[in-house]
Structure formats: structure tokens, C-alpha cells
């Protein structure tokens, strides 16, 4: 598997983990959804939130993947992967703090 394919798969999985962590933190009252569009959907339905979040990010990743012959699209995938990795570390930090607090 090429490195770019690993990045794409990682993005989709990290987005899924971000969505799950977000649901847990919001339900526990630890955090709020910062994206106003997704916050409105989350207030209505957790399943709707998951579907919309996964669809939006997956469509963005698909768009960049289809243009992977362009350096800017590859850079976009890399930056998005770094951002989601950072967000994952942030979620882990919240998890550690929540466990220590409990």
C-alpha cells in the first residue's frame, strides 16, 4: 500500500474516532461541538451527526484523492492527516484528564 493510501485510510479512521470522541465528550458535558453546522445536527440526532460528519470529510478526501496527481491535493491530504492526528492526541489528553478526575 502506498503512503498516500495510508494517509487516506488514516484520515477516514481518524475522522470516525473524532466523531465518536465528540459524541462521548458532549454527552458527558465535557465539551461542545465547535462546528456550528455539526452542533445543530448533533443537538437533533447523534446518528445524523455521525452520518453528516463522515460524509463531509469522506467527500473531501475523495475529492483530494481524485486529484492526487496535483501536488496541492497531496499537500492537502497531508495537512488534513496531521490536523486529525493532532486532534486525536487532544482527545486522548481529554480522556486521560477525565480518568484522572474521576
PDB file of N, CA and C in Angstrom:
ATOM      1  N   UNK A   1       0.848  -1.184   0.000  1.00  0.00           N
ATOM      2  CA  UNK A   1       0.000   0.000   0.000  1.00  0.00           C
ATOM      3  C   UNK A   1       0.887   1.238   0.000  1.00  0.00           C
ATOM      4  N   UNK A   2       0.576   2.187  -0.860  1.00  0.00           N
ATOM      5  CA  UNK A   2       1.376   3.400  -0.951  1.00  0.00           C
ATOM      6  C   UNK A   2       1.146   4.287   0.279  1.00  0.00           C
ATOM      7  N   UNK A   3       2.091   5.164   0.510  1.00  0.00           N
ATOM      8  CA  UNK A   3       1.991   6.078   1.652  1.00  0.00           C
ATOM      9  C   UNK A   3       0.738   6.947   1.536  1.00  0.00           C
ATOM     10  N   UNK A   4       0.410   7.382   0.335  1.00  0.00           N
ATOM     11  CA  UNK A   4      -0.770   8.226   0.163  1.00  0.00           C
ATOM     12  C   UNK A   4      -2.049   7.459   0.495  1.00  0.00           C
ATOM     13  N   UNK A   5      -2.116   6.192   0.167  1.00  0.00           N
ATOM     14  CA  UNK A   5      -3.285   5.377   0.536  1.00  0.00           C
ATOM     15  C   UNK A   5      -3.385   5.242   2.050  1.00  0.00           C
ATOM     16  N   UNK A   6      -2.253   5.090   2.715  1.00  0.00           N
ATOM     17  CA  UNK A   6      -2.241   5.009   4.181  1.00  0.00           C
ATOM     18  C   UNK A   6      -2.770   6.315   4.769  1.00  0.00           C
ATOM     19  N   UNK A   7      -2.373   7.446   4.200  1.00  0.00           N
ATOM     20  CA  UNK A   7      -2.848   8.742   4.657  1.00  0.00           C
ATOM     21  C   UNK A   7      -4.361   8.840   4.498  1.00  0.00           C
ATOM     22  N   UNK A   8      -4.881   8.408   3.350  1.00  0.00           N
ATOM     23  CA  UNK A   8      -6.319   8.485   3.082  1.00  0.00           C
ATOM     24  C   UNK A   8      -7.097   7.598   4.052  1.00  0.00           C
ATOM     25  N   UNK A   9      -6.657   6.374   4.244  1.00  0.00           N
ATOM     26  CA  UNK A   9      -7.335   5.468   5.182  1.00  0.00           C
ATOM     27  C   UNK A   9      -7.257   6.030   6.596  1.00  0.00           C
ATOM     28  N   UNK A  10      -6.093   6.566   6.954  1.00  0.00           N
ATOM     29  CA  UNK A  10      -5.923   7.165   8.285  1.00  0.00           C
ATOM     30  C   UNK A  10      -6.889   8.323   8.491  1.00  0.00           C
ATOM     31  N   UNK A  11      -7.059   9.149   7.471  1.00  0.00           N
ATOM     32  CA  UNK A  11      -7.981  10.280   7.583  1.00  0.00           C
ATOM     33  C   UNK A  11      -9.402   9.829   7.877  1.00  0.00           C
ATOM     34  N   UNK A  12      -9.852   8.819   7.170  1.00  0.00           N
ATOM     35  CA  UNK A  12     -11.220   8.338   7.377  1.00  0.00           C
ATOM     36  C   UNK A  12     -11.367   7.741   8.781  1.00  0.00           C
ATOM     37  N   UNK A  13     -10.386   6.955   9.202  1.00  0.00           N
ATOM     38  CA  UNK A  13     -10.449   6.347  10.539  1.00  0.00           C
ATOM     39  C   UNK A  13     -10.334   7.393  11.642  1.00  0.00           C
ATOM     40  N   UNK A  14      -9.451   8.357  11.463  1.00  0.00           N
ATOM     41  CA  UNK A  14      -9.303   9.413  12.468  1.00  0.00           C
ATOM     42  C   UNK A  14     -10.558  10.278  12.551  1.00  0.00           C
ATOM     43  N   UNK A  15     -11.221  10.494  11.426  1.00  0.00           N
ATOM     44  CA  UNK A  15     -12.482  11.229  11.438  1.00  0.00           C
ATOM     45  C   UNK A  15     -13.537  10.454  12.221  1.00  0.00           C
ATOM     46  N   UNK A  16     -13.581   9.148  12.020  1.00  0.00           N
ATOM     47  CA  UNK A  16     -14.520   8.317  12.774  1.00  0.00           C
ATOM     48  C   UNK A  16     -14.234   8.399  14.272  1.00  0.00           C
ATOM     49  N   UNK A  17     -12.967   8.298  14.642  1.00  0.00           N
ATOM     50  CA  UNK A  17     -12.607   8.396  16.059  1.00  0.00           C
ATOM     51  C   UNK A  17     -12.952   9.771  16.625  1.00  0.00           C
ATOM     52  N   UNK A  18     -12.711  10.825  15.844  1.00  0.00           N
ATOM     53  CA  UNK A  18     -13.063  12.177  16.277  1.00  0.00           C
ATOM     54  C   UNK A  18     -14.560  12.272  16.536  1.00  0.00           C
ATOM     55  N   UNK A  19     -15.357  11.702  15.640  1.00  0.00           N
ATOM     56  CA  UNK A  19     -16.812  11.749  15.814  1.00  0.00           C
ATOM     57  C   UNK A  19     -17.248  11.003  17.072  1.00  0.00           C
ATOM     58  N   UNK A  20     -16.670   9.831  17.307  1.00  0.00           N
ATOM     59  CA  UNK A  20     -17.032   9.046  18.497  1.00  0.00           C
ATOM     60  C   UNK A  20     -16.617   9.772  19.770  1.00  0.00           C
ATOM     61  N   UNK A  21     -15.377  10.264  19.803  1.00  0.00           N
ATOM     62  CA  UNK A  21     -14.925  11.013  20.976  1.00  0.00           C
ATOM     63  C   UNK A  21     -15.815  12.236  21.208  1.00  0.00           C
ATOM     64  N   UNK A  22     -16.157  12.945  20.140  1.00  0.00           N
ATOM     65  CA  UNK A  22     -17.007  14.125  20.269  1.00  0.00           C
ATOM     66  C   UNK A  22     -18.350  13.757  20.879  1.00  0.00           C
ATOM     67  N   UNK A  23     -18.944  12.677  20.404  1.00  0.00           N
ATOM     68  CA  UNK A  23     -20.225  12.237  20.981  1.00  0.00           C
ATOM     69  C   UNK A  23     -20.088  11.948  22.469  1.00  0.00           C
ATOM     70  N   UNK A  24     -19.028  11.264  22.843  1.00  0.00           N
ATOM     71  CA  UNK A  24     -18.817  10.912  24.253  1.00  0.00           C
ATOM     72  C   UNK A  24     -18.623  12.171  25.091  1.00  0.00           C
ATOM     73  N   UNK A  25     -17.764  13.092  24.614  1.00  0.00           N
ATOM     74  CA  UNK A  25     -17.468  14.300  25.407  1.00  0.00           C
ATOM     75  C   UNK A  25     -18.693  15.202  25.527  1.00  0.00           C
ATOM     76  N   UNK A  26     -19.448  15.336  24.454  1.00  0.00           N
ATOM     77  CA  UNK A  26     -20.643  16.184  24.507  1.00  0.00           C
ATOM     78  C   UNK A  26     -21.686  15.558  25.432  1.00  0.00           C
ATOM     79  N   UNK A  27     -21.876  14.260  25.313  1.00  0.00           N
ATOM     80  CA  UNK A  27     -22.852  13.564  26.170  1.00  0.00           C
ATOM     81  C   UNK A  27     -22.456  13.664  27.648  1.00  0.00           C
ATOM     82  N   UNK A  28     -21.150  13.617  27.920  1.00  0.00           N
ATOM     83  CA  UNK A  28     -20.663  13.693  29.296  1.00  0.00           C
ATOM     84  C   UNK A  28     -20.619  15.135  29.815  1.00  0.00           C
ATOM     85  N   UNK A  29     -20.870  16.105  28.943  1.00  0.00           N
ATOM     86  CA  UNK A  29     -20.824  17.503  29.358  1.00  0.00           C
ATOM     87  C   UNK A  29     -19.416  18.052  29.478  1.00  0.00           C
ATOM     88  N   UNK A  30     -18.446  17.350  28.898  1.00  0.00           N
ATOM     89  CA  UNK A  30     -17.044  17.768  28.979  1.00  0.00           C
ATOM     90  C   UNK A  30     -16.704  18.797  27.906  1.00  0.00           C
ATOM     91  N   UNK A  31     -17.376  18.703  26.759  1.00  0.00           N
ATOM     92  CA  UNK A  31     -17.043  19.576  25.632  1.00  0.00           C
ATOM     93  C   UNK A  31     -18.304  19.906  24.845  1.00  0.00           C
ATOM     94  N   UNK A  32     -18.133  20.825  23.917  1.00  0.00           N
ATOM     95  CA  UNK A  32     -19.200  21.193  22.989  1.00  0.00           C
ATOM     96  C   UNK A  32     -18.663  21.050  21.575  1.00  0.00           C
ATOM     97  N   UNK A  33     -19.540  20.780  20.627  1.00  0.00           N
ATOM     98  CA  UNK A  33     -19.135  20.733  19.219  1.00  0.00           C
ATOM     99  C   UNK A  33     -18.854  22.159  18.764  1.00  0.00           C
ATOM    100  N   UNK A  34     -17.654  22.396  18.234  1.00  0.00           N
ATOM    101  CA  UNK A  34     -17.251  23.741  17.831  1.00  0.00           C
ATOM    102  C   UNK A  34     -17.796  24.136  16.457  1.00  0.00           C
ATOM    103  N   UNK A  35     -18.069  23.168  15.605  1.00  0.00           N
ATOM    104  CA  UNK A  35     -18.589  23.438  14.267  1.00  0.00           C
ATOM    105  C   UNK A  35     -20.086  23.720  14.380  1.00  0.00           C
ATOM    106  N   UNK A  36     -20.494  24.924  14.016  1.00  0.00           N
ATOM    107  CA  UNK A  36     -21.891  25.318  14.196  1.00  0.00           C
ATOM    108  C   UNK A  36     -22.858  24.454  13.392  1.00  0.00           C
ATOM    109  N   UNK A  37     -22.495  24.081  12.183  1.00  0.00           N
ATOM    110  CA  UNK A  37     -23.344  23.216  11.368  1.00  0.00           C
ATOM    111  C   UNK A  37     -23.522  21.863  12.055  1.00  0.00           C
ATOM    112  N   UNK A  38     -22.418  21.268  12.456  1.00  0.00           N
ATOM    113  CA  UNK A  38     -22.492  19.953  13.088  1.00  0.00           C
ATOM    114  C   UNK A  38     -23.109  20.021  14.479  1.00  0.00           C
ATOM    115  N   UNK A  39     -22.934  21.140  15.181  1.00  0.00           N
ATOM    116  CA  UNK A  39     -23.535  21.279  16.505  1.00  0.00           C
ATOM    117  C   UNK A  39     -25.056  21.242  16.403  1.00  0.00           C
ATOM    118  N   UNK A  40     -25.582  21.917  15.393  1.00  0.00           N
ATOM    119  CA  UNK A  40     -27.028  21.900  15.192  1.00  0.00           C
ATOM    120  C   UNK A  40     -27.547  20.513  14.885  1.00  0.00           C
ATOM    121  N   UNK A  41     -26.809  19.787  14.078  1.00  0.00           N
ATOM    122  CA  UNK A  41     -27.204  18.415  13.735  1.00  0.00           C
ATOM    123  C   UNK A  41     -27.072  17.513  14.955  1.00  0.00           C
ATOM    124  N   UNK A  42     -25.985  17.688  15.708  1.00  0.00           N
ATOM    125  CA  UNK A  42     -25.765  16.867  16.904  1.00  0.00           C
ATOM    126  C   UNK A  42     -26.869  17.080  17.931  1.00  0.00           C
ATOM    127  N   UNK A  43     -27.354  18.310  18.037  1.00  0.00           N
ATOM    128  CA  UNK A  43     -28.426  18.571  19.001  1.00  0.00           C
ATOM    129  C   UNK A  43     -29.720  17.865  18.613  1.00  0.00           C
ATOM    130  N   UNK A  44     -29.851  17.514  17.350  1.00  0.00           N
ATOM    131  CA  UNK A  44     -31.042  16.808  16.866  1.00  0.00           C
ATOM    132  C   UNK A  44     -30.882  15.287  16.906  1.00  0.00           C
ATOM    133  N   UNK A  45     -29.694  14.806  16.484  1.00  0.00           N
ATOM    134  CA  UNK A  45     -29.524  13.363  16.326  1.00  0.00           C
ATOM    135  C   UNK A  45     -28.049  12.978  16.291  1.00  0.00           C
ATOM    136  N   UNK A  46     -27.680  12.050  17.152  1.00  0.00           N
ATOM    137  CA  UNK A  46     -26.298  11.553  17.154  1.00  0.00           C
ATOM    138  C   UNK A  46     -25.996  10.798  15.867  1.00  0.00           C
ATOM    139  N   UNK A  47     -26.961  10.048  15.382  1.00  0.00           N
ATOM    140  CA  UNK A  47     -26.759   9.286  14.145  1.00  0.00           C
ATOM    141  C   UNK A  47     -26.625  10.245  12.965  1.00  0.00           C
ATOM    142  N   UNK A  48     -27.470  11.262  12.928  1.00  0.00           N
ATOM    143  CA  UNK A  48     -27.363  12.268  11.877  1.00  0.00           C
ATOM    144  C   UNK A  48     -26.013  12.962  11.904  1.00  0.00           C
ATOM    145  N   UNK A  49     -25.546  13.284  13.102  1.00  0.00           N
ATOM    146  CA  UNK A  49     -24.227  13.893  13.274  1.00  0.00           C
ATOM    147  C   UNK A  49     -23.146  13.000  12.684  1.00  0.00           C
ATOM    148  N   UNK A  50     -23.184  11.727  13.041  1.00  0.00           N
ATOM    149  CA  UNK A  50     -22.175  10.784  12.538  1.00  0.00           C
ATOM    150  C   UNK A  50     -22.229  10.695  11.013  1.00  0.00           C
ATOM    151  N   UNK A  51     -23.424  10.580  10.466  1.00  0.00           N
ATOM    152  CA  UNK A  51     -23.572  10.440   9.014  1.00  0.00           C
ATOM    153  C   UNK A  51     -23.063  11.673   8.274  1.00  0.00           C
ATOM    154  N   UNK A  52     -23.457  12.848   8.750  1.00  0.00           N
ATOM    155  CA  UNK A  52     -23.041  14.078   8.074  1.00  0.00           C
ATOM    156  C   UNK A  52     -21.541  14.291   8.213  1.00  0.00           C
ATOM    157  N   UNK A  53     -21.008  14.090   9.404  1.00  0.00           N
ATOM    158  CA  UNK A  53     -19.568  14.280   9.620  1.00  0.00           C
ATOM    159  C   UNK A  53     -18.750  13.327   8.767  1.00  0.00           C
ATOM    160  N   UNK A  54     -19.138  12.065   8.756  1.00  0.00           N
ATOM    161  CA  UNK A  54     -18.405  11.081   7.949  1.00  0.00           C
ATOM    162  C   UNK A  54     -18.539  11.407   6.461  1.00  0.00           C
ATOM    163  N   UNK A  55     -19.721  11.804   6.032  1.00  0.00           N
ATOM    164  CA  UNK A  55     -19.937  12.102   4.616  1.00  0.00           C
ATOM    165  C   UNK A  55     -19.118  13.314   4.168  1.00  0.00           C
ATOM    166  N   UNK A  56     -19.147  14.388   4.950  1.00  0.00           N
ATOM    167  CA  UNK A  56     -18.437  15.603   4.558  1.00  0.00           C
ATOM    168  C   UNK A  56     -16.933  15.371   4.442  1.00  0.00           C
ATOM    169  N   UNK A  57     -16.356  14.747   5.451  1.00  0.00           N
ATOM    170  CA  UNK A  57     -14.910  14.518   5.422  1.00  0.00           C
ATOM    171  C   UNK A  57     -14.560  13.503   4.335  1.00  0.00           C
ATOM    172  N   UNK A  58     -15.343  12.455   4.206  1.00  0.00           N
ATOM    173  CA  UNK A  58     -15.069  11.448   3.180  1.00  0.00           C
ATOM    174  C   UNK A  58     -15.161  12.038   1.776  1.00  0.00           C
ATOM    175  N   UNK A  59     -16.130  12.903   1.546  1.00  0.00           N
ATOM    176  CA  UNK A  59     -16.238  13.551   0.231  1.00  0.00           C
ATOM    177  C   UNK A  59     -15.041  14.466  -0.040  1.00  0.00           C
ATOM    178  N   UNK A  60     -14.589  15.161   0.988  1.00  0.00           N
ATOM    179  CA  UNK A  60     -13.394  15.995   0.837  1.00  0.00           C
ATOM    180  C   UNK A  60     -12.163  15.160   0.536  1.00  0.00           C
ATOM    181  N   UNK A  61     -12.021  14.059   1.237  1.00  0.00           N
ATOM    182  CA  UNK A  61     -10.893  13.161   1.000  1.00  0.00           C
ATOM    183  C   UNK A  61     -10.977  12.568  -0.416  1.00  0.00           C
ATOM    184  N   UNK A  62     -12.179  12.185  -0.819  1.00  0.00           N
ATOM    185  CA  UNK A  62     -12.357  11.644  -2.170  1.00  0.00           C
ATOM    186  C   UNK A  62     -11.979  12.671  -3.229  1.00  0.00           C
ATOM    187  N   UNK A  63     -12.383  13.906  -3.041  1.00  0.00           N
ATOM    188  CA  UNK A  63     -12.037  14.970  -3.986  1.00  0.00           C
ATOM    189  C   UNK A  63     -10.519  15.118  -4.098  1.00  0.00           C
ATOM    190  N   UNK A  64      -9.858  15.162  -2.958  1.00  0.00           N
ATOM    191  CA  UNK A  64      -8.394  15.293  -2.983  1.00  0.00           C
ATOM    192  C   UNK A  64      -7.746  14.053  -3.584  1.00  0.00           C
ATOM    193  N   UNK A  65      -8.283  12.881  -3.286  1.00  0.00           N
ATOM    194  CA  UNK A  65      -7.735  11.640  -3.832  1.00  0.00           C
ATOM    195  C   UNK A  65      -7.845  11.631  -5.364  1.00  0.00           C
ATOM    196  N   UNK A  66      -8.962  12.081  -5.867  1.00  0.00           N
ATOM    197  CA  UNK A  66      -9.148  12.100  -7.330  1.00  0.00           C
ATOM    198  C   UNK A  66      -8.180  13.057  -8.021  1.00  0.00           C
ATOM    199  N   UNK A  67      -7.675  14.029  -7.279  1.00  0.00           N
ATOM    200  CA  UNK A  67      -6.710  14.982  -7.833  1.00  0.00           C
ATOM    201  C   UNK A  67      -5.308  14.746  -7.278  1.00  0.00           C
ATOM    202  N   UNK A  68      -5.032  13.512  -6.907  1.00  0.00           N
ATOM    203  CA  UNK A  68      -3.749  13.185  -6.278  1.00  0.00           C
ATOM    204  C   UNK A  68      -2.551  13.396  -7.191  1.00  0.00           C
ATOM    205  N   UNK A  69      -2.796  13.594  -8.476  1.00  0.00           N
ATOM    206  CA  UNK A  69      -1.706  13.893  -9.403  1.00  0.00           C
ATOM    207  C   UNK A  69      -1.232  15.344  -9.249  1.00  0.00           C
ATOM    208  N   UNK A  70      -1.970  16.133  -8.502  1.00  0.00           N
ATOM    209  CA  UNK A  70      -1.616  17.538  -8.277  1.00  0.00           C
ATOM    210  C   UNK A  70      -0.949  17.677  -6.909  1.00  0.00           C
ATOM    211  N   UNK A  71       0.181  18.333  -6.866  1.00  0.00           N
ATOM    212  CA  UNK A  71       0.904  18.482  -5.589  1.00  0.00           C
ATOM    213  C   UNK A  71       0.076  19.139  -4.490  1.00  0.00           C
ATOM    214  N   UNK A  72      -0.764  20.099  -4.855  1.00  0.00           N
ATOM    215  CA  UNK A  72      -1.555  20.789  -3.835  1.00  0.00           C
ATOM    216  C   UNK A  72      -2.571  19.832  -3.188  1.00  0.00           C
ATOM    217  N   UNK A  73      -3.142  18.910  -3.949  1.00  0.00           N
ATOM    218  CA  UNK A  73      -4.082  17.934  -3.398  1.00  0.00           C
ATOM    219  C   UNK A  73      -3.359  16.988  -2.438  1.00  0.00           C
ATOM    220  N   UNK A  74      -2.170  16.568  -2.810  1.00  0.00           N
ATOM    221  CA  UNK A  74      -1.383  15.692  -1.933  1.00  0.00           C
ATOM    222  C   UNK A  74      -1.014  16.438  -0.653  1.00  0.00           C
ATOM    223  N   UNK A  75      -0.641  17.703  -0.795  1.00  0.00           N
ATOM    224  CA  UNK A  75      -0.326  18.515   0.388  1.00  0.00           C
ATOM    225  C   UNK A  75      -1.563  18.661   1.265  1.00  0.00           C
ATOM    226  N   UNK A  76      -2.721  18.860   0.646  1.00  0.00           N
ATOM    227  CA  UNK A  76      -3.970  18.969   1.410  1.00  0.00           C
ATOM    228  C   UNK A  76      -4.261  17.707   2.202  1.00  0.00           C
ATOM    229  N   UNK A  77      -4.045  16.562   1.592  1.00  0.00           N
ATOM    230  CA  UNK A  77      -4.243  15.292   2.318  1.00  0.00           C
ATOM    231  C   UNK A  77      -3.273  15.187   3.490  1.00  0.00           C
ATOM    232  N   UNK A  78      -2.035  15.589   3.261  1.00  0.00           N
ATOM    233  CA  UNK A  78      -1.040  15.538   4.335  1.00  0.00           C
ATOM    234  C   UNK A  78      -1.378  16.463   5.483  1.00  0.00           C
ATOM    235  N   UNK A  79      -1.778  17.686   5.162  1.00  0.00           N
ATOM    236  CA  UNK A  79      -2.135  18.658   6.200  1.00  0.00           C
ATOM    237  C   UNK A  79      -3.366  18.176   6.973  1.00  0.00           C
ATOM    238  N   UNK A  80      -4.360  17.660   6.263  1.00  0.00           N
ATOM    239  CA  UNK A  80      -5.559  17.152   6.932  1.00  0.00           C
ATOM    240  C   UNK A  80      -5.207  15.987   7.850  1.00  0.00           C
ATOM    241  N   UNK A  81      -4.315  15.116   7.395  1.00  0.00           N
ATOM    242  CA  UNK A  81      -3.916  13.977   8.232  1.00  0.00           C
ATOM    243  C   UNK A  81      -3.185  14.457   9.492  1.00  0.00           C
ATOM    244  N   UNK A  82      -2.316  15.433   9.334  1.00  0.00           N
ATOM    245  CA  UNK A  82      -1.632  15.996  10.508  1.00  0.00           C
ATOM    246  C   UNK A  82      -2.631  16.639  11.466  1.00  0.00           C
ATOM    247  N   UNK A  83      -3.594  17.348  10.920  1.00  0.00           N
ATOM    248  CA  UNK A  83      -4.602  18.003  11.764  1.00  0.00           C
ATOM    249  C   UNK A  83      -5.415  16.965  12.532  1.00  0.00           C
ATOM    250  N   UNK A  84      -5.848  15.900  11.867  1.00  0.00           N
ATOM    251  CA  UNK A  84      -6.643  14.871  12.544  1.00  0.00           C
ATOM    252  C   UNK A  84      -5.800  14.085  13.543  1.00  0.00           C
ATOM    253  N   UNK A  85      -4.508  13.894  13.257  1.00  0.00           N
ATOM    254  CA  UNK A  85      -3.639  13.250  14.241  1.00  0.00           C
ATOM    255  C   UNK A  85      -3.504  14.127  15.481  1.00  0.00           C
ATOM    256  N   UNK A  86      -3.354  15.422  15.285  1.00  0.00           N
ATOM    257  CA  UNK A  86      -3.273  16.352  16.419  1.00  0.00           C
ATOM    258  C   UNK A  86      -4.568  16.339  17.219  1.00  0.00           C
ATOM    259  N   UNK A  87      -5.688  16.315  16.522  1.00  0.00           N
ATOM    260  CA  UNK A  87      -6.981  16.263  17.188  1.00  0.00           C
ATOM    261  C   UNK A  87      -7.130  14.970  17.985  1.00  0.00           C
ATOM    262  N   UNK A  88      -6.633  13.867  17.442  1.00  0.00           N
ATOM    263  CA  UNK A  88      -6.684  12.591  18.148  1.00  0.00           C
ATOM    264  C   UNK A  88      -5.866  12.661  19.444  1.00  0.00           C
ATOM    265  N   UNK A  89      -4.694  13.250  19.378  1.00  0.00           N
ATOM    266  CA  UNK A  89      -3.869  13.418  20.588  1.00  0.00           C
ATOM    267  C   UNK A  89      -4.602  14.293  21.603  1.00  0.00           C
ATOM    268  N   UNK A  90      -5.271  15.331  21.127  1.00  0.00           N
ATOM    269  CA  UNK A  90      -6.063  16.198  22.003  1.00  0.00           C
ATOM    270  C   UNK A  90      -7.170  15.397  22.686  1.00  0.00           C
ATOM    271  N   UNK A  91      -7.877  14.563  21.929  1.00  0.00           N
ATOM    272  CA  UNK A  91      -8.922  13.717  22.507  1.00  0.00           C
ATOM    273  C   UNK A  91      -8.339  12.766  23.559  1.00  0.00           C
ATOM    274  N   UNK A  92      -7.183  12.213  23.268  1.00  0.00           N
ATOM    275  CA  UNK A  92      -6.545  11.324  24.253  1.00  0.00           C
ATOM    276  C   UNK A  92      -6.201  12.081  25.528  1.00  0.00           C
ATOM    277  N   UNK A  93      -5.771  13.326  25.377  1.00  0.00           N
ATOM    278  CA  UNK A  93      -5.481  14.155  26.553  1.00  0.00           C
ATOM    279  C   UNK A  93      -6.733  14.388  27.381  1.00  0.00           C
ATOM    280  N   UNK A  94      -7.854  14.643  26.733  1.00  0.00           N
ATOM    281  CA  UNK A  94      -9.112  14.808  27.462  1.00  0.00           C
ATOM    282  C   UNK A  94      -9.482  13.511  28.173  1.00  0.00           C
ATOM    283  N   UNK A  95      -9.272  12.383  27.494  1.00  0.00           N
ATOM    284  CA  UNK A  95      -9.589  11.091  28.090  1.00  0.00           C
ATOM    285  C   UNK A  95      -8.754  10.850  29.350  1.00  0.00           C
ATOM    286  N   UNK A  96      -7.473  11.160  29.272  1.00  0.00           N
ATOM    287  CA  UNK A  96      -6.594  10.979  30.433  1.00  0.00           C
ATOM    288  C   UNK A  96      -7.046  11.873  31.574  1.00  0.00           C
ATOM    289  N   UNK A  97      -7.343  13.141  31.261  1.00  0.00           N
ATOM    290  CA  UNK A  97      -7.805  14.074  32.300  1.00  0.00           C
ATOM    291  C   UNK A  97      -9.121  13.618  32.913  1.00  0.00           C
ATOM    292  N   UNK A  98     -10.013  13.095  32.086  1.00  0.00           N
ATOM    293  CA  UNK A  98     -11.311  12.623  32.594  1.00  0.00           C
ATOM    294  C   UNK A  98     -11.140  11.439  33.528  1.00  0.00           C
ATOM    295  N   UNK A  99     -10.221  10.550  33.176  1.00  0.00           N
ATOM    296  CA  UNK A  99      -9.969   9.374  34.020  1.00  0.00           C
ATOM    297  C   UNK A  99      -9.317   9.804  35.339  1.00  0.00           C
ATOM    298  N   UNK A 100      -8.363  10.716  35.256  1.00  0.00           N
ATOM    299  CA  UNK A 100      -7.694  11.196  36.482  1.00  0.00           C
ATOM    300  C   UNK A 100      -8.665  11.956  37.380  1.00  0.00           C
ATOM    301  N   UNK A 101      -9.596  12.682  36.798  1.00  0.00           N
ATOM    302  CA  UNK A 101     -10.561  13.458  37.561  1.00  0.00           C
ATOM    303  C   UNK A 101     -11.579  12.564  38.258  1.00  0.00           C
ATOM    304  N   UNK A 102     -11.896  11.434  37.622  1.00  0.00           N
ATOM    305  CA  UNK A 102     -12.925  10.539  38.158  1.00  0.00           C
ATOM    306  C   UNK A 102     -12.413   9.764  39.301  1.00  0.00           C
TER     307      UNK A 102
END
